[in-house]
């Protein structure tokens, strides 16, 4: 693997995904939309400042050197995080304004995508690949 490619150890990505799923479940069970702010603010910090507090905290619990874990490509994870932040923000705003259907739609989308990614299929990665293919085909036609 090219040493210049930025990556994130898989356990940190999985922790972030679990926090999304658990925050959405906590929101649904308690009817407290504030739980969505945990992954939302962390995701925004990651996108804007390259500092995701959830991943930083999880990094303290890694038992091996971070480079010894399966790497997740940084750019791909940024793309996925943008989708998650948008869905979390729209879900939070929906619940905050009493538009519960909007809140549920967007939180179901983000929780399902995160859980499916935990199981091994990354919907965001698939979308990112399709987008790159579309741009490539468009530039060559």
N, C-alpha and C. Protein backbone atom coordinates (compact mmCIF):
# COMPACT_ATOMS: atom_id res chain seq x y z
N UNK A 1 0.84 -1.19 0.00
CA UNK A 1 0.00 0.00 0.00
C UNK A 1 0.89 1.24 0.00
N UNK A 2 0.47 2.25 -0.74
CA UNK A 2 1.21 3.50 -0.83
C UNK A 2 1.22 4.20 0.52
N UNK A 3 2.39 4.54 1.00
CA UNK A 3 2.54 5.17 2.31
C UNK A 3 1.91 6.57 2.36
N UNK A 4 1.70 7.18 1.20
CA UNK A 4 1.18 8.54 1.16
C UNK A 4 -0.35 8.59 1.20
N UNK A 5 -1.00 7.44 1.11
CA UNK A 5 -2.45 7.39 1.16
C UNK A 5 -2.89 7.49 2.62
N UNK A 6 -3.72 8.47 2.91
CA UNK A 6 -4.22 8.63 4.28
C UNK A 6 -5.26 7.57 4.56
N UNK A 7 -5.20 7.02 5.75
CA UNK A 7 -6.17 6.00 6.12
C UNK A 7 -6.54 6.14 7.59
N UNK A 8 -7.62 5.45 7.94
CA UNK A 8 -8.13 5.43 9.31
C UNK A 8 -8.25 3.96 9.70
N UNK A 9 -7.75 3.56 10.86
CA UNK A 9 -7.90 2.17 11.29
C UNK A 9 -9.39 1.78 11.39
N UNK A 10 -9.71 0.61 10.87
CA UNK A 10 -11.10 0.16 10.84
C UNK A 10 -11.81 0.23 12.20
N UNK A 11 -11.16 -0.13 13.32
CA UNK A 11 -11.89 -0.05 14.59
C UNK A 11 -12.40 1.37 14.92
N UNK A 12 -11.68 2.38 14.47
CA UNK A 12 -12.12 3.75 14.72
C UNK A 12 -13.35 4.08 13.88
N UNK A 13 -13.35 3.62 12.63
CA UNK A 13 -14.50 3.82 11.75
C UNK A 13 -15.71 3.08 12.31
N UNK A 14 -15.50 1.84 12.77
CA UNK A 14 -16.60 1.05 13.34
C UNK A 14 -17.16 1.71 14.59
N UNK A 15 -16.29 2.26 15.42
CA UNK A 15 -16.77 2.95 16.63
C UNK A 15 -17.65 4.12 16.25
N UNK A 16 -17.23 4.89 15.27
CA UNK A 16 -18.02 6.02 14.80
C UNK A 16 -19.38 5.55 14.29
N UNK A 17 -19.39 4.44 13.55
CA UNK A 17 -20.65 3.90 13.03
C UNK A 17 -21.57 3.44 14.17
N UNK A 18 -20.99 2.77 15.18
CA UNK A 18 -21.79 2.33 16.31
C UNK A 18 -22.37 3.51 17.08
N UNK A 19 -21.60 4.58 17.22
CA UNK A 19 -22.11 5.77 17.92
C UNK A 19 -23.29 6.36 17.16
N UNK A 20 -23.23 6.36 15.84
CA UNK A 20 -24.36 6.84 15.04
C UNK A 20 -25.59 5.98 15.32
N UNK A 21 -25.43 4.66 15.20
CA UNK A 21 -26.56 3.74 15.40
C UNK A 21 -27.14 3.90 16.81
N UNK A 22 -26.28 3.90 17.82
CA UNK A 22 -26.75 3.98 19.20
C UNK A 22 -27.37 5.34 19.52
N UNK A 23 -26.86 6.41 18.93
CA UNK A 23 -27.44 7.74 19.15
C UNK A 23 -28.83 7.84 18.53
N UNK A 24 -28.98 7.25 17.36
CA UNK A 24 -30.30 7.25 16.71
C UNK A 24 -31.28 6.43 17.56
N UNK A 25 -30.85 5.25 18.01
CA UNK A 25 -31.73 4.43 18.85
C UNK A 25 -32.10 5.16 20.15
N UNK A 26 -31.13 5.83 20.77
CA UNK A 26 -31.41 6.59 21.99
C UNK A 26 -32.41 7.70 21.72
N UNK A 27 -32.28 8.34 20.57
CA UNK A 27 -33.22 9.41 20.19
C UNK A 27 -34.63 8.84 20.05
N UNK A 28 -34.75 7.72 19.36
CA UNK A 28 -36.08 7.12 19.16
C UNK A 28 -36.69 6.67 20.48
N UNK A 29 -35.89 6.03 21.32
CA UNK A 29 -36.41 5.45 22.56
C UNK A 29 -36.79 6.50 23.61
N UNK A 30 -36.03 7.59 23.64
CA UNK A 30 -36.26 8.62 24.66
C UNK A 30 -37.01 9.84 24.13
N UNK A 31 -37.15 9.93 22.83
CA UNK A 31 -37.75 11.11 22.18
C UNK A 31 -36.96 12.37 22.50
N UNK A 32 -35.65 12.21 22.71
CA UNK A 32 -34.75 13.33 22.96
C UNK A 32 -33.79 13.46 21.78
N UNK A 33 -34.09 14.40 20.90
CA UNK A 33 -33.28 14.55 19.68
C UNK A 33 -31.85 14.98 19.97
N UNK A 34 -31.56 15.41 21.17
CA UNK A 34 -30.22 15.89 21.52
C UNK A 34 -29.16 14.80 21.39
N UNK A 35 -29.58 13.53 21.49
CA UNK A 35 -28.61 12.44 21.31
C UNK A 35 -27.96 12.49 19.92
N UNK A 36 -28.69 13.02 18.95
CA UNK A 36 -28.14 13.11 17.58
C UNK A 36 -26.98 14.08 17.50
N UNK A 37 -26.89 14.99 18.46
CA UNK A 37 -25.80 15.96 18.44
C UNK A 37 -24.44 15.31 18.69
N UNK A 38 -24.42 14.17 19.35
CA UNK A 38 -23.14 13.50 19.63
C UNK A 38 -22.43 13.14 18.32
N UNK A 39 -23.05 12.33 17.45
CA UNK A 39 -22.35 12.02 16.18
C UNK A 39 -22.35 13.21 15.22
N UNK A 40 -23.35 14.07 15.31
CA UNK A 40 -23.41 15.22 14.40
C UNK A 40 -22.26 16.18 14.64
N UNK A 41 -22.04 16.57 15.88
CA UNK A 41 -20.95 17.50 16.18
C UNK A 41 -19.60 16.84 15.94
N UNK A 42 -19.47 15.58 16.32
CA UNK A 42 -18.20 14.87 16.06
C UNK A 42 -17.92 14.79 14.57
N UNK A 43 -18.96 14.48 13.79
CA UNK A 43 -18.79 14.40 12.34
C UNK A 43 -18.41 15.74 11.73
N UNK A 44 -19.07 16.80 12.20
CA UNK A 44 -18.72 18.14 11.70
C UNK A 44 -17.28 18.50 12.05
N UNK A 45 -16.86 18.19 13.27
CA UNK A 45 -15.47 18.46 13.67
C UNK A 45 -14.50 17.69 12.77
N UNK A 46 -14.85 16.45 12.47
CA UNK A 46 -14.01 15.64 11.59
C UNK A 46 -13.90 16.24 10.20
N UNK A 47 -15.02 16.72 9.67
CA UNK A 47 -15.01 17.30 8.33
C UNK A 47 -14.32 18.66 8.28
N UNK A 48 -14.58 19.48 9.27
CA UNK A 48 -14.05 20.85 9.25
C UNK A 48 -12.63 20.97 9.77
N UNK A 49 -12.29 20.15 10.78
CA UNK A 49 -11.00 20.31 11.44
C UNK A 49 -10.13 19.05 11.43
N UNK A 50 -10.59 18.00 10.73
CA UNK A 50 -9.89 16.71 10.72
C UNK A 50 -9.65 16.19 12.15
N UNK A 51 -10.60 16.48 13.04
CA UNK A 51 -10.53 16.01 14.42
C UNK A 51 -11.91 15.50 14.81
N UNK A 52 -12.08 14.19 14.82
CA UNK A 52 -13.34 13.58 15.22
C UNK A 52 -13.18 13.11 16.67
N UNK A 53 -13.86 13.76 17.62
CA UNK A 53 -13.70 13.41 19.04
C UNK A 53 -14.01 11.94 19.35
N UNK A 54 -14.98 11.37 18.66
CA UNK A 54 -15.33 9.96 18.89
C UNK A 54 -14.15 9.07 18.50
N UNK A 55 -13.60 9.31 17.34
CA UNK A 55 -12.46 8.50 16.89
C UNK A 55 -11.23 8.75 17.74
N UNK A 56 -11.03 9.99 18.16
CA UNK A 56 -9.88 10.30 19.01
C UNK A 56 -9.97 9.56 20.34
N UNK A 57 -11.17 9.54 20.91
CA UNK A 57 -11.37 8.81 22.16
C UNK A 57 -11.18 7.30 21.94
N UNK A 58 -11.74 6.78 20.88
CA UNK A 58 -11.63 5.35 20.59
C UNK A 58 -10.17 4.95 20.35
N UNK A 59 -9.38 5.86 19.79
CA UNK A 59 -7.97 5.57 19.51
C UNK A 59 -7.20 5.24 20.79
N UNK A 60 -7.64 5.79 21.91
CA UNK A 60 -7.00 5.51 23.19
C UNK A 60 -7.13 4.04 23.59
N UNK A 61 -8.12 3.35 23.04
CA UNK A 61 -8.38 1.97 23.41
C UNK A 61 -7.83 0.94 22.42
N UNK A 62 -7.15 1.41 21.36
CA UNK A 62 -6.54 0.47 20.42
C UNK A 62 -5.43 -0.29 21.14
N UNK A 63 -5.38 -1.58 20.92
CA UNK A 63 -4.38 -2.41 21.60
C UNK A 63 -3.08 -2.52 20.81
N UNK A 64 -3.18 -2.25 19.50
CA UNK A 64 -2.00 -2.34 18.65
C UNK A 64 -1.73 -0.98 18.03
N UNK A 65 -0.61 -0.90 17.34
CA UNK A 65 -0.28 0.29 16.57
C UNK A 65 -1.39 0.50 15.54
N UNK A 66 -1.88 1.73 15.37
CA UNK A 66 -2.96 1.98 14.41
C UNK A 66 -2.67 1.46 12.99
N UNK A 67 -1.42 1.44 12.58
CA UNK A 67 -1.07 0.97 11.23
C UNK A 67 -1.21 -0.54 11.08
N UNK A 68 -1.39 -1.25 12.19
CA UNK A 68 -1.54 -2.71 12.14
C UNK A 68 -2.98 -3.15 11.87
N UNK A 69 -3.92 -2.22 11.90
CA UNK A 69 -5.33 -2.54 11.65
C UNK A 69 -5.64 -2.38 10.17
N UNK A 70 -6.71 -3.02 9.73
CA UNK A 70 -7.17 -2.85 8.35
C UNK A 70 -7.47 -1.37 8.15
N UNK A 71 -6.88 -0.77 7.10
CA UNK A 71 -7.10 0.66 6.88
C UNK A 71 -8.38 0.95 6.08
N UNK A 72 -9.02 2.02 6.43
CA UNK A 72 -10.14 2.56 5.66
C UNK A 72 -9.64 3.84 5.01
N UNK A 73 -9.89 3.99 3.74
CA UNK A 73 -9.37 5.13 2.99
C UNK A 73 -9.99 6.44 3.49
N UNK A 74 -9.15 7.39 3.83
CA UNK A 74 -9.56 8.64 4.45
C UNK A 74 -10.56 9.42 3.59
N UNK A 75 -10.27 9.57 2.31
CA UNK A 75 -11.15 10.33 1.42
C UNK A 75 -12.53 9.71 1.33
N UNK A 76 -12.57 8.39 1.26
CA UNK A 76 -13.84 7.69 1.22
C UNK A 76 -14.62 7.92 2.51
N UNK A 77 -13.91 7.89 3.64
CA UNK A 77 -14.57 8.11 4.93
C UNK A 77 -15.07 9.55 5.07
N UNK A 78 -14.37 10.49 4.47
CA UNK A 78 -14.84 11.88 4.47
C UNK A 78 -16.15 11.99 3.69
N UNK A 79 -16.22 11.31 2.54
CA UNK A 79 -17.45 11.29 1.74
C UNK A 79 -18.59 10.70 2.56
N UNK A 80 -18.34 9.55 3.20
CA UNK A 80 -19.36 8.90 4.03
C UNK A 80 -19.79 9.81 5.18
N UNK A 81 -18.82 10.50 5.77
CA UNK A 81 -19.13 11.38 6.91
C UNK A 81 -20.01 12.54 6.46
N UNK A 82 -19.80 13.05 5.25
CA UNK A 82 -20.64 14.13 4.74
C UNK A 82 -22.09 13.67 4.64
N UNK A 83 -22.29 12.47 4.11
CA UNK A 83 -23.65 11.92 4.01
C UNK A 83 -24.26 11.77 5.41
N UNK A 84 -23.49 11.21 6.35
CA UNK A 84 -23.98 11.01 7.71
C UNK A 84 -24.34 12.35 8.37
N UNK A 85 -23.48 13.34 8.23
CA UNK A 85 -23.73 14.65 8.84
C UNK A 85 -24.99 15.29 8.26
N UNK A 86 -25.17 15.19 6.96
CA UNK A 86 -26.38 15.74 6.33
C UNK A 86 -27.63 15.05 6.88
N UNK A 87 -27.61 13.72 6.91
CA UNK A 87 -28.77 12.97 7.42
C UNK A 87 -29.03 13.25 8.89
N UNK A 88 -27.97 13.28 9.70
CA UNK A 88 -28.13 13.58 11.13
C UNK A 88 -28.67 14.99 11.34
N UNK A 89 -28.16 15.95 10.58
CA UNK A 89 -28.62 17.34 10.71
C UNK A 89 -30.08 17.47 10.31
N UNK A 90 -30.46 16.86 9.20
CA UNK A 90 -31.85 16.93 8.76
C UNK A 90 -32.77 16.20 9.73
N UNK A 91 -32.31 15.07 10.26
CA UNK A 91 -33.09 14.36 11.27
C UNK A 91 -33.26 15.19 12.53
N UNK A 92 -32.17 15.78 12.99
CA UNK A 92 -32.21 16.61 14.20
C UNK A 92 -33.16 17.79 14.01
N UNK A 93 -33.02 18.49 12.89
CA UNK A 93 -33.88 19.64 12.60
C UNK A 93 -35.34 19.20 12.50
N UNK A 94 -35.56 18.07 11.83
CA UNK A 94 -36.93 17.56 11.72
C UNK A 94 -37.56 17.31 13.08
N UNK A 95 -36.85 16.62 13.96
CA UNK A 95 -37.38 16.36 15.30
C UNK A 95 -37.54 17.66 16.10
N UNK A 96 -36.57 18.54 15.97
CA UNK A 96 -36.59 19.80 16.72
C UNK A 96 -37.82 20.64 16.34
N UNK A 97 -38.17 20.63 15.06
CA UNK A 97 -39.30 21.43 14.59
C UNK A 97 -40.64 20.69 14.70
N UNK A 98 -40.59 19.45 15.23
CA UNK A 98 -41.82 18.68 15.35
C UNK A 98 -42.23 17.99 14.05
N UNK A 99 -41.34 17.99 13.06
CA UNK A 99 -41.60 17.29 11.80
C UNK A 99 -41.06 15.87 11.94
N UNK A 100 -41.73 15.09 12.75
CA UNK A 100 -41.23 13.77 13.13
C UNK A 100 -41.02 12.84 11.95
N UNK A 101 -41.86 12.95 10.92
CA UNK A 101 -41.68 12.09 9.75
C UNK A 101 -40.33 12.38 9.10
N UNK A 102 -39.98 13.66 8.95
CA UNK A 102 -38.67 14.04 8.40
C UNK A 102 -37.56 13.51 9.31
N UNK A 103 -37.74 13.69 10.61
CA UNK A 103 -36.75 13.21 11.57
C UNK A 103 -36.53 11.71 11.44
N UNK A 104 -37.61 10.96 11.38
CA UNK A 104 -37.50 9.50 11.28
C UNK A 104 -36.91 9.07 9.94
N UNK A 105 -37.31 9.71 8.85
CA UNK A 105 -36.78 9.32 7.53
C UNK A 105 -35.26 9.44 7.52
N UNK A 106 -34.75 10.60 7.94
CA UNK A 106 -33.30 10.81 7.84
C UNK A 106 -32.51 10.02 8.88
N UNK A 107 -33.08 9.83 10.06
CA UNK A 107 -32.35 9.03 11.05
C UNK A 107 -32.41 7.54 10.70
N UNK A 108 -33.50 7.09 10.10
CA UNK A 108 -33.55 5.70 9.63
C UNK A 108 -32.50 5.48 8.54
N UNK A 109 -32.40 6.43 7.61
CA UNK A 109 -31.41 6.32 6.54
C UNK A 109 -29.99 6.21 7.10
N UNK A 110 -29.63 7.10 8.01
CA UNK A 110 -28.25 7.12 8.51
C UNK A 110 -27.98 5.91 9.40
N UNK A 111 -28.95 5.53 10.23
CA UNK A 111 -28.73 4.37 11.10
C UNK A 111 -28.63 3.08 10.28
N UNK A 112 -29.48 2.94 9.28
CA UNK A 112 -29.41 1.75 8.42
C UNK A 112 -28.09 1.69 7.67
N UNK A 113 -27.68 2.81 7.10
CA UNK A 113 -26.41 2.84 6.36
C UNK A 113 -25.24 2.50 7.27
N UNK A 114 -25.23 3.05 8.48
CA UNK A 114 -24.15 2.76 9.43
C UNK A 114 -24.17 1.30 9.84
N UNK A 115 -25.35 0.76 10.11
CA UNK A 115 -25.43 -0.64 10.55
C UNK A 115 -25.06 -1.60 9.42
N UNK A 116 -25.50 -1.30 8.21
CA UNK A 116 -25.14 -2.14 7.06
C UNK A 116 -23.63 -2.09 6.83
N UNK A 117 -23.02 -0.92 7.04
CA UNK A 117 -21.56 -0.79 6.92
C UNK A 117 -20.86 -1.63 7.99
N UNK A 118 -21.39 -1.64 9.21
CA UNK A 118 -20.83 -2.48 10.27
C UNK A 118 -20.86 -3.95 9.85
N UNK A 119 -21.94 -4.33 9.17
CA UNK A 119 -22.08 -5.71 8.72
C UNK A 119 -21.18 -6.04 7.52
N UNK A 120 -20.64 -5.00 6.86
CA UNK A 120 -19.67 -5.27 5.81
C UNK A 120 -19.93 -4.66 4.44
N UNK A 121 -21.08 -4.05 4.22
CA UNK A 121 -21.33 -3.42 2.92
C UNK A 121 -21.50 -1.93 3.13
N UNK A 122 -20.64 -1.16 2.51
CA UNK A 122 -20.64 0.29 2.67
C UNK A 122 -21.45 0.94 1.55
N UNK A 123 -22.64 1.42 1.90
CA UNK A 123 -23.50 2.08 0.92
C UNK A 123 -22.85 3.36 0.42
N UNK A 124 -22.24 4.13 1.33
CA UNK A 124 -21.56 5.36 0.93
C UNK A 124 -20.42 5.09 -0.03
N UNK A 125 -19.69 3.99 0.20
CA UNK A 125 -18.59 3.62 -0.70
C UNK A 125 -19.13 3.29 -2.08
N UNK A 126 -20.24 2.57 -2.13
CA UNK A 126 -20.88 2.22 -3.39
C UNK A 126 -21.31 3.49 -4.13
N UNK A 127 -21.93 4.42 -3.41
CA UNK A 127 -22.36 5.68 -4.04
C UNK A 127 -21.16 6.48 -4.53
N UNK A 128 -20.09 6.52 -3.73
CA UNK A 128 -18.88 7.25 -4.11
C UNK A 128 -18.28 6.66 -5.38
N UNK A 129 -18.22 5.35 -5.46
CA UNK A 129 -17.69 4.66 -6.64
C UNK A 129 -18.55 4.99 -7.87
N UNK A 130 -19.87 4.93 -7.71
CA UNK A 130 -20.76 5.24 -8.84
C UNK A 130 -20.58 6.68 -9.30
N UNK A 131 -20.40 7.59 -8.35
CA UNK A 131 -20.20 9.00 -8.67
C UNK A 131 -18.90 9.19 -9.46
N UNK A 132 -17.83 8.52 -9.01
CA UNK A 132 -16.55 8.62 -9.73
C UNK A 132 -16.66 8.03 -11.14
N UNK A 133 -17.38 6.92 -11.27
CA UNK A 133 -17.59 6.32 -12.59
C UNK A 133 -18.36 7.27 -13.50
N UNK A 134 -19.38 7.89 -12.98
CA UNK A 134 -20.18 8.84 -13.74
C UNK A 134 -19.31 10.00 -14.23
N UNK A 135 -18.50 10.56 -13.31
CA UNK A 135 -17.63 11.67 -13.69
C UNK A 135 -16.60 11.24 -14.74
N UNK A 136 -16.07 10.04 -14.60
CA UNK A 136 -15.10 9.52 -15.57
C UNK A 136 -15.74 9.37 -16.95
N UNK A 137 -16.90 8.73 -17.00
CA UNK A 137 -17.60 8.53 -18.28
C UNK A 137 -17.95 9.87 -18.91
N UNK A 138 -18.37 10.80 -18.09
CA UNK A 138 -18.77 12.13 -18.60
C UNK A 138 -17.55 12.87 -19.16
N UNK A 139 -16.39 12.73 -18.52
CA UNK A 139 -15.20 13.43 -18.99
C UNK A 139 -14.64 12.80 -20.27
N UNK A 140 -14.96 11.55 -20.52
CA UNK A 140 -14.45 10.87 -21.72
C UNK A 140 -15.44 10.84 -22.87
N UNK A 141 -16.57 11.51 -22.72
CA UNK A 141 -17.53 11.50 -23.82
C UNK A 141 -17.66 12.86 -24.45
